[in-house]
Amino acid sequence: VIVATPPVSHPDIACYFLERGIPVLCEKPLCLSVS
């Protein structure tokens, strides 16, 4: 899955797919914080 949404939504969307075993390519910026 490619995540190309606003950065604020990247962590939730990426983790949703990652937790289901689906590789993710996330657009930059990756997210808004180190955590």
PDB file of all heavy atoms in Angstrom:
ATOM      1  N   VAL A   1       0.848  -1.190   0.000  1.00  0.00           N
ATOM      2  CA  VAL A   1       0.000   0.000   0.000  1.00  0.00           C
ATOM      3  C   VAL A   1       0.880   1.236   0.000  1.00  0.00           C
ATOM      4  O   VAL A   1       1.927   1.267   0.658  1.00  0.00           O
ATOM      5  CB  VAL A   1      -0.921   0.019   1.248  1.00  0.00           C
ATOM      6  CG1 VAL A   1      -1.625   1.351   1.384  1.00  0.00           C
ATOM      7  CG2 VAL A   1      -1.930  -1.103   1.179  1.00  0.00           C
ATOM      8  N   ILE A   2       0.442   2.242  -0.728  1.00  0.00           N
ATOM      9  CA  ILE A   2       1.099   3.547  -0.730  1.00  0.00           C
ATOM     10  C   ILE A   2       0.201   4.500   0.047  1.00  0.00           C
ATOM     11  O   ILE A   2      -1.001   4.576  -0.221  1.00  0.00           O
ATOM     12  CB  ILE A   2       1.296   4.068  -2.166  1.00  0.00           C
ATOM     13  CG1 ILE A   2       2.182   3.106  -2.955  1.00  0.00           C
ATOM     14  CG2 ILE A   2       1.888   5.484  -2.146  1.00  0.00           C
ATOM     15  CD1 ILE A   2       2.156   3.321  -4.450  1.00  0.00           C
ATOM     16  N   VAL A   3       0.793   5.216   0.994  1.00  0.00           N
ATOM     17  CA  VAL A   3       0.050   6.196   1.787  1.00  0.00           C
ATOM     18  C   VAL A   3       0.446   7.583   1.291  1.00  0.00           C
ATOM     19  O   VAL A   3       1.598   7.997   1.437  1.00  0.00           O
ATOM     20  CB  VAL A   3       0.339   6.043   3.295  1.00  0.00           C
ATOM     21  CG1 VAL A   3      -0.417   7.106   4.082  1.00  0.00           C
ATOM     22  CG2 VAL A   3      -0.035   4.644   3.767  1.00  0.00           C
ATOM     23  N   ALA A   4      -0.500   8.285   0.686  1.00  0.00           N
ATOM     24  CA  ALA A   4      -0.251   9.603   0.098  1.00  0.00           C
ATOM     25  C   ALA A   4      -1.304  10.593   0.589  1.00  0.00           C
ATOM     26  O   ALA A   4      -1.903  11.324  -0.192  1.00  0.00           O
ATOM     27  CB  ALA A   4      -0.253   9.505  -1.426  1.00  0.00           C
ATOM     28  N   THR A   5      -1.521  10.587   1.869  1.00  0.00           N
ATOM     29  CA  THR A   5      -2.483  11.471   2.515  1.00  0.00           C
ATOM     30  C   THR A   5      -1.722  12.580   3.242  1.00  0.00           C
ATOM     31  O   THR A   5      -0.491  12.560   3.273  1.00  0.00           O
ATOM     32  CB  THR A   5      -3.317  10.664   3.530  1.00  0.00           C
ATOM     33  OG1 THR A   5      -2.423  10.036   4.451  1.00  0.00           O
ATOM     34  CG2 THR A   5      -4.175   9.615   2.843  1.00  0.00           C
ATOM     35  N   PRO A   6      -2.403  13.531   3.861  1.00  0.00           N
ATOM     36  CA  PRO A   6      -1.687  14.528   4.661  1.00  0.00           C
ATOM     37  C   PRO A   6      -0.883  13.844   5.785  1.00  0.00           C
ATOM     38  O   PRO A   6      -1.326  12.839   6.353  1.00  0.00           O
ATOM     39  CB  PRO A   6      -2.814  15.396   5.233  1.00  0.00           C
ATOM     40  CG  PRO A   6      -3.910  15.268   4.217  1.00  0.00           C
ATOM     41  CD  PRO A   6      -3.833  13.841   3.753  1.00  0.00           C
ATOM     42  N   PRO A   7       0.301  14.363   6.086  1.00  0.00           N
ATOM     43  CA  PRO A   7       1.201  13.722   7.060  1.00  0.00           C
ATOM     44  C   PRO A   7       0.587  13.435   8.421  1.00  0.00           C
ATOM     45  O   PRO A   7       0.958  12.453   9.070  1.00  0.00           O
ATOM     46  CB  PRO A   7       2.359  14.713   7.184  1.00  0.00           C
ATOM     47  CG  PRO A   7       2.341  15.468   5.908  1.00  0.00           C
ATOM     48  CD  PRO A   7       0.904  15.540   5.480  1.00  0.00           C
ATOM     49  N   VAL A   8      -0.354  14.220   8.856  1.00  0.00           N
ATOM     50  CA  VAL A   8      -0.973  13.988  10.167  1.00  0.00           C
ATOM     51  C   VAL A   8      -1.668  12.630  10.226  1.00  0.00           C
ATOM     52  O   VAL A   8      -1.784  12.026  11.293  1.00  0.00           O
ATOM     53  CB  VAL A   8      -1.934  15.141  10.543  1.00  0.00           C
ATOM     54  CG1 VAL A   8      -3.170  15.141   9.653  1.00  0.00           C
ATOM     55  CG2 VAL A   8      -2.301  15.077  12.009  1.00  0.00           C
ATOM     56  N   SER A   9      -2.099  12.123   9.075  1.00  0.00           N
ATOM     57  CA  SER A   9      -2.816  10.844   9.040  1.00  0.00           C
ATOM     58  C   SER A   9      -1.904   9.647   8.763  1.00  0.00           C
ATOM     59  O   SER A   9      -2.343   8.499   8.870  1.00  0.00           O
ATOM     60  CB  SER A   9      -3.920  10.895   7.982  1.00  0.00           C
ATOM     61  OG  SER A   9      -3.365  11.034   6.692  1.00  0.00           O
ATOM     62  N   HIS A  10      -0.658   9.879   8.413  1.00  0.00           N
ATOM     63  CA  HIS A  10       0.242   8.784   8.050  1.00  0.00           C
ATOM     64  C   HIS A  10       0.389   7.702   9.122  1.00  0.00           C
ATOM     65  O   HIS A  10       0.295   6.510   8.790  1.00  0.00           O
ATOM     66  CB  HIS A  10       1.626   9.323   7.673  1.00  0.00           C
ATOM     67  CG  HIS A  10       1.653  10.040   6.364  1.00  0.00           C
ATOM     68  ND1 HIS A  10       2.790  10.655   5.884  1.00  0.00           N
ATOM     69  CD2 HIS A  10       0.693  10.258   5.430  1.00  0.00           C
ATOM     70  CE1 HIS A  10       2.542  11.218   4.718  1.00  0.00           C
ATOM     71  NE2 HIS A  10       1.260  10.989   4.427  1.00  0.00           N
ATOM     72  N   PRO A  11       0.647   8.062  10.389  1.00  0.00           N
ATOM     73  CA  PRO A  11       0.866   6.992  11.381  1.00  0.00           C
ATOM     74  C   PRO A  11      -0.317   6.030  11.516  1.00  0.00           C
ATOM     75  O   PRO A  11      -0.118   4.803  11.518  1.00  0.00           O
ATOM     76  CB  PRO A  11       1.110   7.755  12.684  1.00  0.00           C
ATOM     77  CG  PRO A  11       1.644   9.078  12.239  1.00  0.00           C
ATOM     78  CD  PRO A  11       0.892   9.386  10.973  1.00  0.00           C
ATOM     79  N   ASP A  12      -1.516   6.547  11.621  1.00  0.00           N
ATOM     80  CA  ASP A  12      -2.671   5.665  11.797  1.00  0.00           C
ATOM     81  C   ASP A  12      -2.900   4.781  10.580  1.00  0.00           C
ATOM     82  O   ASP A  12      -3.156   3.581  10.713  1.00  0.00           O
ATOM     83  CB  ASP A  12      -3.937   6.471  12.095  1.00  0.00           C
ATOM     84  CG  ASP A  12      -3.931   7.064  13.498  1.00  0.00           C
ATOM     85  OD1 ASP A  12      -3.160   6.581  14.360  1.00  0.00           O
ATOM     86  OD2 ASP A  12      -4.700   8.014  13.731  1.00  0.00           O
ATOM     87  N   ILE A  13      -2.808   5.351   9.402  1.00  0.00           N
ATOM     88  CA  ILE A  13      -3.044   4.574   8.183  1.00  0.00           C
ATOM     89  C   ILE A  13      -1.933   3.560   7.974  1.00  0.00           C
ATOM     90  O   ILE A  13      -2.191   2.378   7.709  1.00  0.00           O
ATOM     91  CB  ILE A  13      -3.191   5.504   6.957  1.00  0.00           C
ATOM     92  CG1 ILE A  13      -4.450   6.365   7.104  1.00  0.00           C
ATOM     93  CG2 ILE A  13      -3.243   4.685   5.662  1.00  0.00           C
ATOM     94  CD1 ILE A  13      -4.565   7.481   6.084  1.00  0.00           C
ATOM     95  N   ALA A  14      -0.681   3.989   8.094  1.00  0.00           N
ATOM     96  CA  ALA A  14       0.445   3.068   7.898  1.00  0.00           C
ATOM     97  C   ALA A  14       0.383   1.919   8.896  1.00  0.00           C
ATOM     98  O   ALA A  14       0.526   0.748   8.515  1.00  0.00           O
ATOM     99  CB  ALA A  14       1.763   3.821   8.007  1.00  0.00           C
ATOM    100  N   CYS A  15       0.160   2.227  10.163  1.00  0.00           N
ATOM    101  CA  CYS A  15       0.106   1.177  11.189  1.00  0.00           C
ATOM    102  C   CYS A  15      -1.058   0.226  10.951  1.00  0.00           C
ATOM    103  O   CYS A  15      -0.935  -0.982  11.182  1.00  0.00           O
ATOM    104  CB  CYS A  15       0.040   1.790  12.584  1.00  0.00           C
ATOM    105  SG  CYS A  15       1.623   2.490  13.106  1.00  0.00           S
ATOM    106  N   TYR A  16      -2.162   0.732  10.460  1.00  0.00           N
ATOM    107  CA  TYR A  16      -3.315  -0.118  10.161  1.00  0.00           C
ATOM    108  C   TYR A  16      -2.905  -1.227   9.189  1.00  0.00           C
ATOM    109  O   TYR A  16      -3.223  -2.404   9.397  1.00  0.00           O
ATOM    110  CB  TYR A  16      -4.459   0.717   9.587  1.00  0.00           C
ATOM    111  CG  TYR A  16      -5.710  -0.081   9.333  1.00  0.00           C
ATOM    112  CD1 TYR A  16      -6.642  -0.271  10.341  1.00  0.00           C
ATOM    113  CD2 TYR A  16      -5.959  -0.652   8.095  1.00  0.00           C
ATOM    114  CE1 TYR A  16      -7.787  -1.017  10.127  1.00  0.00           C
ATOM    115  CE2 TYR A  16      -7.099  -1.406   7.868  1.00  0.00           C
ATOM    116  CZ  TYR A  16      -8.009  -1.583   8.878  1.00  0.00           C
ATOM    117  OH  TYR A  16      -9.141  -2.341   8.664  1.00  0.00           O
ATOM    118  N   PHE A  17      -2.209  -0.868   8.124  1.00  0.00           N
ATOM    119  CA  PHE A  17      -1.794  -1.864   7.135  1.00  0.00           C
ATOM    120  C   PHE A  17      -0.627  -2.707   7.630  1.00  0.00           C
ATOM    121  O   PHE A  17      -0.614  -3.926   7.433  1.00  0.00           O
ATOM    122  CB  PHE A  17      -1.461  -1.185   5.801  1.00  0.00           C
ATOM    123  CG  PHE A  17      -2.685  -0.730   5.069  1.00  0.00           C
ATOM    124  CD1 PHE A  17      -3.054   0.600   5.069  1.00  0.00           C
ATOM    125  CD2 PHE A  17      -3.489  -1.634   4.393  1.00  0.00           C
ATOM    126  CE1 PHE A  17      -4.201   1.031   4.412  1.00  0.00           C
ATOM    127  CE2 PHE A  17      -4.641  -1.225   3.736  1.00  0.00           C
ATOM    128  CZ  PHE A  17      -4.992   0.114   3.744  1.00  0.00           C
ATOM    129  N   LEU A  18       0.347  -2.078   8.272  1.00  0.00           N
ATOM    130  CA  LEU A  18       1.501  -2.822   8.778  1.00  0.00           C
ATOM    131  C   LEU A  18       1.066  -3.902   9.759  1.00  0.00           C
ATOM    132  O   LEU A  18       1.569  -5.031   9.707  1.00  0.00           O
ATOM    133  CB  LEU A  18       2.491  -1.863   9.437  1.00  0.00           C
ATOM    134  CG  LEU A  18       3.199  -0.899   8.490  1.00  0.00           C
ATOM    135  CD1 LEU A  18       3.908   0.196   9.272  1.00  0.00           C
ATOM    136  CD2 LEU A  18       4.152  -1.634   7.562  1.00  0.00           C
ATOM    137  N   GLU A  19       0.153  -3.579  10.635  1.00  0.00           N
ATOM    138  CA  GLU A  19      -0.331  -4.549  11.619  1.00  0.00           C
ATOM    139  C   GLU A  19      -1.064  -5.712  10.972  1.00  0.00           C
ATOM    140  O   GLU A  19      -1.247  -6.762  11.587  1.00  0.00           O
ATOM    141  CB  GLU A  19      -1.221  -3.852  12.650  1.00  0.00           C
ATOM    142  CG  GLU A  19      -0.421  -2.935  13.561  1.00  0.00           C
ATOM    143  CD  GLU A  19      -1.264  -1.956  14.359  1.00  0.00           C
ATOM    144  OE1 GLU A  19      -2.507  -1.939  14.193  1.00  0.00           O
ATOM    145  OE2 GLU A  19      -0.669  -1.184  15.133  1.00  0.00           O
ATOM    146  N   ARG A  20      -1.473  -5.554   9.729  1.00  0.00           N
ATOM    147  CA  ARG A  20      -2.123  -6.627   8.977  1.00  0.00           C
ATOM    148  C   ARG A  20      -1.146  -7.333   8.043  1.00  0.00           C
ATOM    149  O   ARG A  20      -1.545  -8.121   7.188  1.00  0.00           O
ATOM    150  CB  ARG A  20      -3.313  -6.065   8.200  1.00  0.00           C
ATOM    151  CG  ARG A  20      -4.476  -5.801   9.132  1.00  0.00           C
ATOM    152  CD  ARG A  20      -5.414  -4.718   8.664  1.00  0.00           C
ATOM    153  NE  ARG A  20      -6.466  -4.522   9.654  1.00  0.00           N
ATOM    154  CZ  ARG A  20      -6.299  -3.861  10.808  1.00  0.00           C
ATOM    155  NH1 ARG A  20      -5.144  -3.315  11.101  1.00  0.00           N
ATOM    156  NH2 ARG A  20      -7.287  -3.737  11.667  1.00  0.00           N
ATOM    157  N   GLY A  21       0.142  -7.020   8.186  1.00  0.00           N
ATOM    158  CA  GLY A  21       1.172  -7.696   7.403  1.00  0.00           C
ATOM    159  C   GLY A  21       1.322  -7.205   5.981  1.00  0.00           C
ATOM    160  O   GLY A  21       1.863  -7.910   5.138  1.00  0.00           O
ATOM    161  N   ILE A  22       0.869  -5.994   5.707  1.00  0.00           N
ATOM    162  CA  ILE A  22       0.953  -5.443   4.351  1.00  0.00           C
ATOM    163  C   ILE A  22       2.058  -4.390   4.307  1.00  0.00           C
ATOM    164  O   ILE A  22       2.018  -3.421   5.062  1.00  0.00           O
ATOM    165  CB  ILE A  22      -0.393  -4.830   3.922  1.00  0.00           C
ATOM    166  CG1 ILE A  22      -1.486  -5.899   3.947  1.00  0.00           C
ATOM    167  CG2 ILE A  22      -0.280  -4.192   2.532  1.00  0.00           C
ATOM    168  CD1 ILE A  22      -2.886  -5.363   3.762  1.00  0.00           C
ATOM    169  N   PRO A  23       3.046  -4.561   3.439  1.00  0.00           N
ATOM    170  CA  PRO A  23       4.115  -3.563   3.317  1.00  0.00           C
ATOM    171  C   PRO A  23       3.559  -2.195   2.932  1.00  0.00           C
ATOM    172  O   PRO A  23       2.562  -2.096   2.215  1.00  0.00           O
ATOM    173  CB  PRO A  23       4.994  -4.126   2.197  1.00  0.00           C
ATOM    174  CG  PRO A  23       4.731  -5.597   2.213  1.00  0.00           C
ATOM    175  CD  PRO A  23       3.268  -5.719   2.574  1.00  0.00           C
ATOM    176  N   VAL A  24       4.243  -1.140   3.421  1.00  0.00           N
ATOM    177  CA  VAL A  24       3.769   0.230   3.214  1.00  0.00           C
ATOM    178  C   VAL A  24       4.900   1.111   2.690  1.00  0.00           C
ATOM    179  O   VAL A  24       6.006   1.107   3.221  1.00  0.00           O
ATOM    180  CB  VAL A  24       3.230   0.826   4.534  1.00  0.00           C
ATOM    181  CG1 VAL A  24       2.926   2.311   4.385  1.00  0.00           C
ATOM    182  CG2 VAL A  24       1.987   0.070   4.997  1.00  0.00           C
ATOM    183  N   LEU A  25       4.572   1.886   1.654  1.00  0.00           N
ATOM    184  CA  LEU A  25       5.402   2.984   1.177  1.00  0.00           C
ATOM    185  C   LEU A  25       4.655   4.246   1.582  1.00  0.00           C
ATOM    186  O   LEU A  25       3.519   4.458   1.156  1.00  0.00           O
ATOM    187  CB  LEU A  25       5.564   2.942  -0.343  1.00  0.00           C
ATOM    188  CG  LEU A  25       6.182   4.187  -0.977  1.00  0.00           C
ATOM    189  CD1 LEU A  25       7.653   4.305  -0.594  1.00  0.00           C
ATOM    190  CD2 LEU A  25       6.013   4.159  -2.485  1.00  0.00           C
ATOM    191  N   CYS A  26       5.283   5.058   2.416  1.00  0.00           N
ATOM    192  CA  CYS A  26       4.623   6.256   2.936  1.00  0.00           C
ATOM    193  C   CYS A  26       5.262   7.495   2.308  1.00  0.00           C
ATOM    194  O   CYS A  26       6.486   7.627   2.281  1.00  0.00           O
ATOM    195  CB  CYS A  26       4.766   6.285   4.457  1.00  0.00           C
ATOM    196  SG  CYS A  26       3.755   7.533   5.251  1.00  0.00           S
ATOM    197  N   GLU A  27       4.426   8.390   1.833  1.00  0.00           N
ATOM    198  CA  GLU A  27       4.925   9.650   1.277  1.00  0.00           C
ATOM    199  C   GLU A  27       5.563  10.488   2.374  1.00  0.00           C
ATOM    200  O   GLU A  27       5.297  10.307   3.555  1.00  0.00           O
ATOM    201  CB  GLU A  27       3.781  10.424   0.617  1.00  0.00           C
ATOM    202  CG  GLU A  27       3.699  10.265  -0.869  1.00  0.00           C
ATOM    203  CD  GLU A  27       4.957  10.649  -1.619  1.00  0.00           C
ATOM    204  OE1 GLU A  27       5.644  11.631  -1.274  1.00  0.00           O
ATOM    205  OE2 GLU A  27       5.265   9.950  -2.586  1.00  0.00           O
ATOM    206  N   LYS A  28       6.386  11.418   1.944  1.00  0.00           N
ATOM    207  CA  LYS A  28       7.023  12.332   2.890  1.00  0.00           C
ATOM    208  C   LYS A  28       6.219  13.614   3.006  1.00  0.00           C
ATOM    209  O   LYS A  28       5.463  13.920   2.085  1.00  0.00           O
ATOM    210  CB  LYS A  28       8.459  12.612   2.465  1.00  0.00           C
ATOM    211  CG  LYS A  28       8.565  13.251   1.089  1.00  0.00           C
ATOM    212  CD  LYS A  28       9.988  13.453   0.689  1.00  0.00           C
ATOM    213  CE  LYS A  28       9.968  14.203  -0.627  1.00  0.00           C
ATOM    214  NZ  LYS A  28      11.198  14.576  -1.140  1.00  0.00           N
ATOM    215  N   PRO A  29       6.336  14.334   4.082  1.00  0.00           N
ATOM    216  CA  PRO A  29       7.067  13.940   5.277  1.00  0.00           C
ATOM    217  C   PRO A  29       6.400  12.748   5.951  1.00  0.00           C
ATOM    218  O   PRO A  29       5.181  12.598   5.916  1.00  0.00           O
ATOM    219  CB  PRO A  29       7.037  15.172   6.168  1.00  0.00           C
ATOM    220  CG  PRO A  29       5.879  15.971   5.703  1.00  0.00           C
ATOM    221  CD  PRO A  29       5.692  15.649   4.242  1.00  0.00           C
ATOM    222  N   LEU A  30       7.228  11.922   6.556  1.00  0.00           N
ATOM    223  CA  LEU A  30       6.749  10.676   7.145  1.00  0.00           C
ATOM    224  C   LEU A  30       5.672  10.918   8.193  1.00  0.00           C
ATOM    225  O   LEU A  30       4.635  10.250   8.194  1.00  0.00           O
ATOM    226  CB  LEU A  30       7.928   9.913   7.760  1.00  0.00           C
ATOM    227  CG  LEU A  30       7.617   8.547   8.335  1.00  0.00           C
ATOM    228  CD1 LEU A  30       7.075   7.616   7.262  1.00  0.00           C
ATOM    229  CD2 LEU A  30       8.863   7.956   8.971  1.00  0.00           C
ATOM    230  N   CYS A  31       5.917  11.859   9.089  1.00  0.00           N
ATOM    231  CA  CYS A  31       4.965  12.141  10.165  1.00  0.00           C
ATOM    232  C   CYS A  31       5.358  13.456  10.837  1.00  0.00           C
ATOM    233  O   CYS A  31       6.252  14.151  10.356  1.00  0.00           O
ATOM    234  CB  CYS A  31       4.921  10.992  11.164  1.00  0.00           C
ATOM    235  SG  CYS A  31       6.535  10.564  11.807  1.00  0.00           S
ATOM    236  N   LEU A  32       4.723  13.754  11.946  1.00  0.00           N
ATOM    237  CA  LEU A  32       4.944  15.041  12.597  1.00  0.00           C
ATOM    238  C   LEU A  32       5.798  14.969  13.850  1.00  0.00           C
ATOM    239  O   LEU A  32       6.127  16.006  14.421  1.00  0.00           O
ATOM    240  CB  LEU A  32       3.602  15.694  12.924  1.00  0.00           C
ATOM    241  CG  LEU A  32       2.665  15.896  11.726  1.00  0.00           C
ATOM    242  CD1 LEU A  32       1.371  16.542  12.180  1.00  0.00           C
ATOM    243  CD2 LEU A  32       3.333  16.710  10.630  1.00  0.00           C
ATOM    244  N   SER A  33       6.157  13.762  14.295  1.00  0.00           N
ATOM    245  CA  SER A  33       6.993  13.648  15.498  1.00  0.00           C
ATOM    246  C   SER A  33       7.832  12.382  15.462  1.00  0.00           C
ATOM    247  O   SER A  33       7.509  11.422  14.745  1.00  0.00           O
ATOM    248  CB  SER A  33       6.115  13.639  16.757  1.00  0.00           C
ATOM    249  OG  SER A  33       5.419  12.408  16.857  1.00  0.00           O
ATOM    250  N   VAL A  34       8.873  12.382  16.249  1.00  0.00           N
ATOM    251  CA  VAL A  34       9.737  11.211  16.359  1.00  0.00           C
ATOM    252  C   VAL A  34       8.957  10.029  16.925  1.00  0.00           C
ATOM    253  O   VAL A  34       9.102   8.895  16.456  1.00  0.00           O
ATOM    254  CB  VAL A  34      10.976  11.522  17.227  1.00  0.00           C
ATOM    255  CG1 VAL A  34      11.776  10.269  17.520  1.00  0.00           C
ATOM    256  CG2 VAL A  34      11.848  12.571  16.541  1.00  0.00           C
ATOM    257  N   SER A  35       8.113  10.271  17.908  1.00  0.00           N
ATOM    258  CA  SER A  35       7.360   9.170  18.510  1.00  0.00           C
ATOM    259  C   SER A  35       6.423   8.504  17.494  1.00  0.00           C
ATOM    260  O   SER A  35       6.235   7.282  17.522  1.00  0.00           O
ATOM    261  CB  SER A  35       6.584   9.634  19.743  1.00  0.00           C
ATOM    262  OG  SER A  35       5.597  10.577  19.390  1.00  0.00           O
TER     263      SER A  35
END
